[in-house]
Amino acid sequence: MSQNQISKRALEELQEQLNHLKSVKRKEISKAIGEAREHGDLKENSAYHAAKQEQSLNELKIAQLEAKLSVAEVMEEAERPKDVVSLGSKVKYVDLESETVREYTIVSELEANIREKKISSTTSVGNGLLGCKKEEVVEIETPGGTMKYKILEIS
């Protein structure tokens, strides 16, 4: 399994984000820079400096997205096994010590986002869940110690 594998949907989202940054955001920033220039002396023009800083950050985001997209390998949904945890699986499991139930989708590093409940397959938990089956109990070494989980559902 490649760390650069990404779902088709995630690839499309990254491409949309890149297109937005290049077309819409660049124009907005360019306009703000132009308006700030009209206010005179650029040395003491905070609006100009803020717009230039925003431009730098936007270009950095564009470069980062282009780098991600350049190495991305689209994983076809049909390639994913349904009976074991694999890249793209949504996994519901219970922490056997705290009895806390969690549900995450296992994704590549390129699309990991904890707020969206997407964890990378390269994290200790993500990697530890890979290859597991429903009802299986797995022990995973994490930075916080050994965790014991039971797989409840895989979809």
C-alpha atoms as a PDB file:
ATOM      1  CA  MET A   1       0.000   0.000   0.000  1.00  0.00           C
ATOM      2  CA  SER A   2       1.392   3.342  -1.052  1.00  0.00           C
ATOM      3  CA  GLN A   3       1.299   6.345   1.270  1.00  0.00           C
ATOM      4  CA  ASN A   4       0.249   8.366  -1.765  1.00  0.00           C
ATOM      5  CA  GLN A   5      -2.955   6.456  -2.448  1.00  0.00           C
ATOM      6  CA  ILE A   6      -6.035   8.629  -2.414  1.00  0.00           C
ATOM      7  CA  SER A   7      -9.693   8.118  -3.178  1.00  0.00           C
ATOM      8  CA  LYS A   8     -11.124   9.541  -6.379  1.00  0.00           C
ATOM      9  CA  ARG A   9     -13.416  11.799  -4.330  1.00  0.00           C
ATOM     10  CA  ALA A  10     -10.514  13.150  -2.286  1.00  0.00           C
ATOM     11  CA  LEU A  11      -8.522  13.769  -5.465  1.00  0.00           C
ATOM     12  CA  GLU A  12     -11.400  15.778  -6.904  1.00  0.00           C
ATOM     13  CA  GLU A  13     -11.683  17.799  -3.664  1.00  0.00           C
ATOM     14  CA  LEU A  14      -7.972  18.627  -3.737  1.00  0.00           C
ATOM     15  CA  GLN A  15      -8.219  19.666  -7.392  1.00  0.00           C
ATOM     16  CA  GLU A  16     -11.235  21.891  -6.628  1.00  0.00           C
ATOM     17  CA  GLN A  17      -9.374  23.504  -3.738  1.00  0.00           C
ATOM     18  CA  LEU A  18      -6.348  24.118  -5.971  1.00  0.00           C
ATOM     19  CA  ASN A  19      -8.501  25.630  -8.712  1.00  0.00           C
ATOM     20  CA  HIS A  20     -10.186  27.932  -6.181  1.00  0.00           C
ATOM     21  CA  LEU A  21      -6.846  29.129  -4.807  1.00  0.00           C
ATOM     22  CA  LYS A  22      -5.467  29.753  -8.299  1.00  0.00           C
ATOM     23  CA  SER A  23      -8.440  31.458  -9.892  1.00  0.00           C
ATOM     24  CA  VAL A  24     -10.647  33.034  -7.206  1.00  0.00           C
ATOM     25  CA  LYS A  25      -8.235  33.647  -4.331  1.00  0.00           C
ATOM     26  CA  ARG A  26      -5.403  34.956  -6.515  1.00  0.00           C
ATOM     27  CA  LYS A  27      -7.767  37.511  -8.099  1.00  0.00           C
ATOM     28  CA  GLU A  28      -9.070  38.651  -4.702  1.00  0.00           C
ATOM     29  CA  ILE A  29      -5.543  39.115  -3.380  1.00  0.00           C
ATOM     30  CA  SER A  30      -4.378  40.885  -6.527  1.00  0.00           C
ATOM     31  CA  LYS A  31      -7.289  43.310  -6.217  1.00  0.00           C
ATOM     32  CA  ALA A  32      -6.470  43.961  -2.540  1.00  0.00           C
ATOM     33  CA  ILE A  33      -2.817  44.646  -3.422  1.00  0.00           C
ATOM     34  CA  GLY A  34      -3.873  47.045  -6.179  1.00  0.00           C
ATOM     35  CA  GLU A  35      -6.227  48.933  -3.865  1.00  0.00           C
ATOM     36  CA  ALA A  36      -3.573  49.138  -1.143  1.00  0.00           C
ATOM     37  CA  ARG A  37      -1.014  50.540  -3.632  1.00  0.00           C
ATOM     38  CA  GLU A  38      -3.377  53.402  -4.396  1.00  0.00           C
ATOM     39  CA  HIS A  39      -3.068  54.579  -0.789  1.00  0.00           C
ATOM     40  CA  GLY A  40       0.462  55.829  -1.355  1.00  0.00           C
ATOM     41  CA  ASP A  41       3.734  55.087   0.434  1.00  0.00           C
ATOM     42  CA  LEU A  42       4.230  51.317   0.513  1.00  0.00           C
ATOM     43  CA  LYS A  43       6.748  51.368   3.381  1.00  0.00           C
ATOM     44  CA  GLU A  44       4.111  52.269   5.960  1.00  0.00           C
ATOM     45  CA  ASN A  45       1.083  50.773   4.221  1.00  0.00           C
ATOM     46  CA  SER A  46      -0.201  47.995   6.493  1.00  0.00           C
ATOM     47  CA  ALA A  47      -2.977  46.989   4.081  1.00  0.00           C
ATOM     48  CA  TYR A  48      -0.389  46.453   1.339  1.00  0.00           C
ATOM     49  CA  HIS A  49       1.886  44.381   3.590  1.00  0.00           C
ATOM     50  CA  ALA A  50      -1.061  42.294   4.840  1.00  0.00           C
ATOM     51  CA  ALA A  51      -2.181  41.599   1.261  1.00  0.00           C
ATOM     52  CA  LYS A  52       1.366  40.655   0.235  1.00  0.00           C
ATOM     53  CA  GLN A  53       1.592  38.283   3.206  1.00  0.00           C
ATOM     54  CA  GLU A  54      -1.766  36.734   2.243  1.00  0.00           C
ATOM     55  CA  GLN A  55      -0.428  36.347  -1.301  1.00  0.00           C
ATOM     56  CA  SER A  56       2.634  34.491   0.003  1.00  0.00           C
ATOM     57  CA  LEU A  57       0.498  32.151   2.095  1.00  0.00           C
ATOM     58  CA  ASN A  58      -1.820  31.470  -0.840  1.00  0.00           C
ATOM     59  CA  GLU A  59       1.127  30.624  -3.101  1.00  0.00           C
ATOM     60  CA  LEU A  60       2.496  28.303  -0.400  1.00  0.00           C
ATOM     61  CA  LYS A  61      -0.860  26.494  -0.193  1.00  0.00           C
ATOM     62  CA  ILE A  62      -0.913  26.190  -3.994  1.00  0.00           C
ATOM     63  CA  ALA A  63       2.596  24.707  -4.021  1.00  0.00           C
ATOM     64  CA  GLN A  64       1.674  22.237  -1.267  1.00  0.00           C
ATOM     65  CA  LEU A  65      -1.474  21.094  -3.084  1.00  0.00           C
ATOM     66  CA  GLU A  66       0.394  20.748  -6.374  1.00  0.00           C
ATOM     67  CA  ALA A  67       3.030  18.639  -4.627  1.00  0.00           C
ATOM     68  CA  LYS A  68       0.347  16.368  -3.106  1.00  0.00           C
ATOM     69  CA  LEU A  69      -1.428  15.999  -6.436  1.00  0.00           C
ATOM     70  CA  SER A  70       1.803  15.243  -8.278  1.00  0.00           C
ATOM     71  CA  VAL A  71       2.378  12.081  -6.226  1.00  0.00           C
ATOM     72  CA  ALA A  72      -1.236  11.037  -5.668  1.00  0.00           C
ATOM     73  CA  GLU A  73      -2.252   7.573  -6.852  1.00  0.00           C
ATOM     74  CA  VAL A  74      -5.993   7.075  -7.240  1.00  0.00           C
ATOM     75  CA  MET A  75      -7.271   4.003  -5.440  1.00  0.00           C
ATOM     76  CA  GLU A  76     -10.300   2.478  -7.109  1.00  0.00           C
ATOM     77  CA  GLU A  77     -13.164   1.614  -4.750  1.00  0.00           C
ATOM     78  CA  ALA A  78     -13.422  -1.876  -6.295  1.00  0.00           C
ATOM     79  CA  GLU A  79      -9.825  -2.602  -5.212  1.00  0.00           C
ATOM     80  CA  ARG A  80     -10.702  -2.235  -1.525  1.00  0.00           C
ATOM     81  CA  PRO A  81     -11.558  -5.449   0.327  1.00  0.00           C
ATOM     82  CA  LYS A  82     -14.845  -5.167   2.234  1.00  0.00           C
ATOM     83  CA  ASP A  83     -14.259  -7.727   4.986  1.00  0.00           C
ATOM     84  CA  VAL A  84     -10.994  -6.365   6.397  1.00  0.00           C
ATOM     85  CA  VAL A  85      -9.863  -2.887   7.377  1.00  0.00           C
ATOM     86  CA  SER A  86      -8.017  -1.309   4.479  1.00  0.00           C
ATOM     87  CA  LEU A  87      -7.353   2.107   3.032  1.00  0.00           C
ATOM     88  CA  GLY A  88     -10.750   3.766   2.568  1.00  0.00           C
ATOM     89  CA  SER A  89     -12.532   1.650   5.188  1.00  0.00           C
ATOM     90  CA  LYS A  90     -14.777   3.294   7.754  1.00  0.00           C
ATOM     91  CA  VAL A  91     -14.068   1.477  11.016  1.00  0.00           C
ATOM     92  CA  LYS A  92     -16.154   1.522  14.178  1.00  0.00           C
ATOM     93  CA  TYR A  93     -14.306   0.150  17.189  1.00  0.00           C
ATOM     94  CA  VAL A  94     -14.462   0.210  20.957  1.00  0.00           C
ATOM     95  CA  ASP A  95     -11.606   0.926  23.365  1.00  0.00           C
ATOM     96  CA  LEU A  96     -11.895  -2.080  25.680  1.00  0.00           C
ATOM     97  CA  GLU A  97     -10.460  -0.193  28.658  1.00  0.00           C
ATOM     98  CA  SER A  98     -12.522   3.013  28.536  1.00  0.00           C
ATOM     99  CA  GLU A  99     -15.438   1.501  26.581  1.00  0.00           C
ATOM    100  CA  THR A 100     -15.304   4.540  24.280  1.00  0.00           C
ATOM    101  CA  VAL A 101     -16.664   3.845  20.812  1.00  0.00           C
ATOM    102  CA  ARG A 102     -14.906   5.602  17.932  1.00  0.00           C
ATOM    103  CA  GLU A 103     -15.454   5.673  14.196  1.00  0.00           C
ATOM    104  CA  TYR A 104     -12.824   6.745  11.680  1.00  0.00           C
ATOM    105  CA  THR A 105     -12.091   6.345   8.014  1.00  0.00           C
ATOM    106  CA  ILE A 106      -8.594   5.050   7.278  1.00  0.00           C
ATOM    107  CA  VAL A 107      -7.010   7.227   4.586  1.00  0.00           C
ATOM    108  CA  SER A 108      -3.609   8.113   3.142  1.00  0.00           C
ATOM    109  CA  GLU A 109      -1.488  10.879   4.621  1.00  0.00           C
ATOM    110  CA  LEU A 110      -2.599  13.074   1.726  1.00  0.00           C
ATOM    111  CA  GLU A 111      -6.216  13.162   2.853  1.00  0.00           C
ATOM    112  CA  ALA A 112      -5.963  12.743   6.649  1.00  0.00           C
ATOM    113  CA  ASN A 113      -8.096  15.220   8.595  1.00  0.00           C
ATOM    114  CA  ILE A 114      -8.981  14.462  12.208  1.00  0.00           C
ATOM    115  CA  ARG A 115     -11.877  16.983  12.184  1.00  0.00           C
ATOM    116  CA  GLU A 116     -13.476  14.932   9.405  1.00  0.00           C
ATOM    117  CA  LYS A 117     -12.725  11.709  11.300  1.00  0.00           C
ATOM    118  CA  LYS A 118     -10.158  10.621   8.718  1.00  0.00           C
ATOM    119  CA  ILE A 119      -6.967   9.150  10.152  1.00  0.00           C
ATOM    120  CA  SER A 120      -3.833   8.312   8.249  1.00  0.00           C
ATOM    121  CA  SER A 121      -2.866   4.716   7.671  1.00  0.00           C
ATOM    122  CA  THR A 122       0.617   5.686   8.858  1.00  0.00           C
ATOM    123  CA  THR A 123      -0.490   6.626  12.394  1.00  0.00           C
ATOM    124  CA  SER A 124      -0.138   3.990  15.083  1.00  0.00           C
ATOM    125  CA  VAL A 125      -3.916   3.480  15.323  1.00  0.00           C
ATOM    126  CA  GLY A 126      -4.542   3.653  11.570  1.00  0.00           C
ATOM    127  CA  ASN A 127      -1.739   1.214  10.823  1.00  0.00           C
ATOM    128  CA  GLY A 128      -2.722  -1.057  13.709  1.00  0.00           C
ATOM    129  CA  LEU A 129      -6.285  -1.388  12.425  1.00  0.00           C
ATOM    130  CA  LEU A 130      -5.224  -2.278   8.870  1.00  0.00           C
ATOM    131  CA  GLY A 131      -5.890  -5.923   8.040  1.00  0.00           C
ATOM    132  CA  CYS A 132      -8.239  -6.488  10.995  1.00  0.00           C
ATOM    133  CA  LYS A 133     -11.650  -8.146  10.646  1.00  0.00           C
ATOM    134  CA  LYS A 134     -14.988  -7.492  12.325  1.00  0.00           C
ATOM    135  CA  GLU A 135     -15.089  -8.713  15.956  1.00  0.00           C
ATOM    136  CA  GLU A 136     -11.285  -8.955  16.058  1.00  0.00           C
ATOM    137  CA  VAL A 137      -9.476  -7.622  19.138  1.00  0.00           C
ATOM    138  CA  VAL A 138      -6.239  -5.811  18.410  1.00  0.00           C
ATOM    139  CA  GLU A 139      -3.531  -4.351  20.638  1.00  0.00           C
ATOM    140  CA  ILE A 140      -1.864  -1.232  19.295  1.00  0.00           C
ATOM    141  CA  GLU A 141       1.225   0.499  20.618  1.00  0.00           C
ATOM    142  CA  THR A 142       0.515   4.232  20.751  1.00  0.00           C
ATOM    143  CA  PRO A 143       2.510   7.128  22.211  1.00  0.00           C
ATOM    144  CA  GLY A 144       0.145   6.914  25.210  1.00  0.00           C
ATOM    145  CA  GLY A 145       0.751   3.206  25.760  1.00  0.00           C
ATOM    146  CA  THR A 146      -0.732  -0.062  24.560  1.00  0.00           C
ATOM    147  CA  MET A 147      -4.382   0.249  23.555  1.00  0.00           C
ATOM    148  CA  LYS A 148      -6.771  -2.673  23.139  1.00  0.00           C
ATOM    149  CA  TYR A 149      -9.582  -2.252  20.607  1.00  0.00           C
ATOM    150  CA  LYS A 150     -12.388  -4.461  19.319  1.00  0.00           C
ATOM    151  CA  ILE A 151     -13.579  -3.927  15.747  1.00  0.00           C
ATOM    152  CA  LEU A 152     -17.365  -3.477  15.710  1.00  0.00           C
ATOM    153  CA  GLU A 153     -18.058  -2.582  12.063  1.00  0.00           C
ATOM    154  CA  ILE A 154     -16.209  -2.162   8.766  1.00  0.00           C
ATOM    155  CA  SER A 155     -17.799  -0.372   5.837  1.00  0.00           C
END
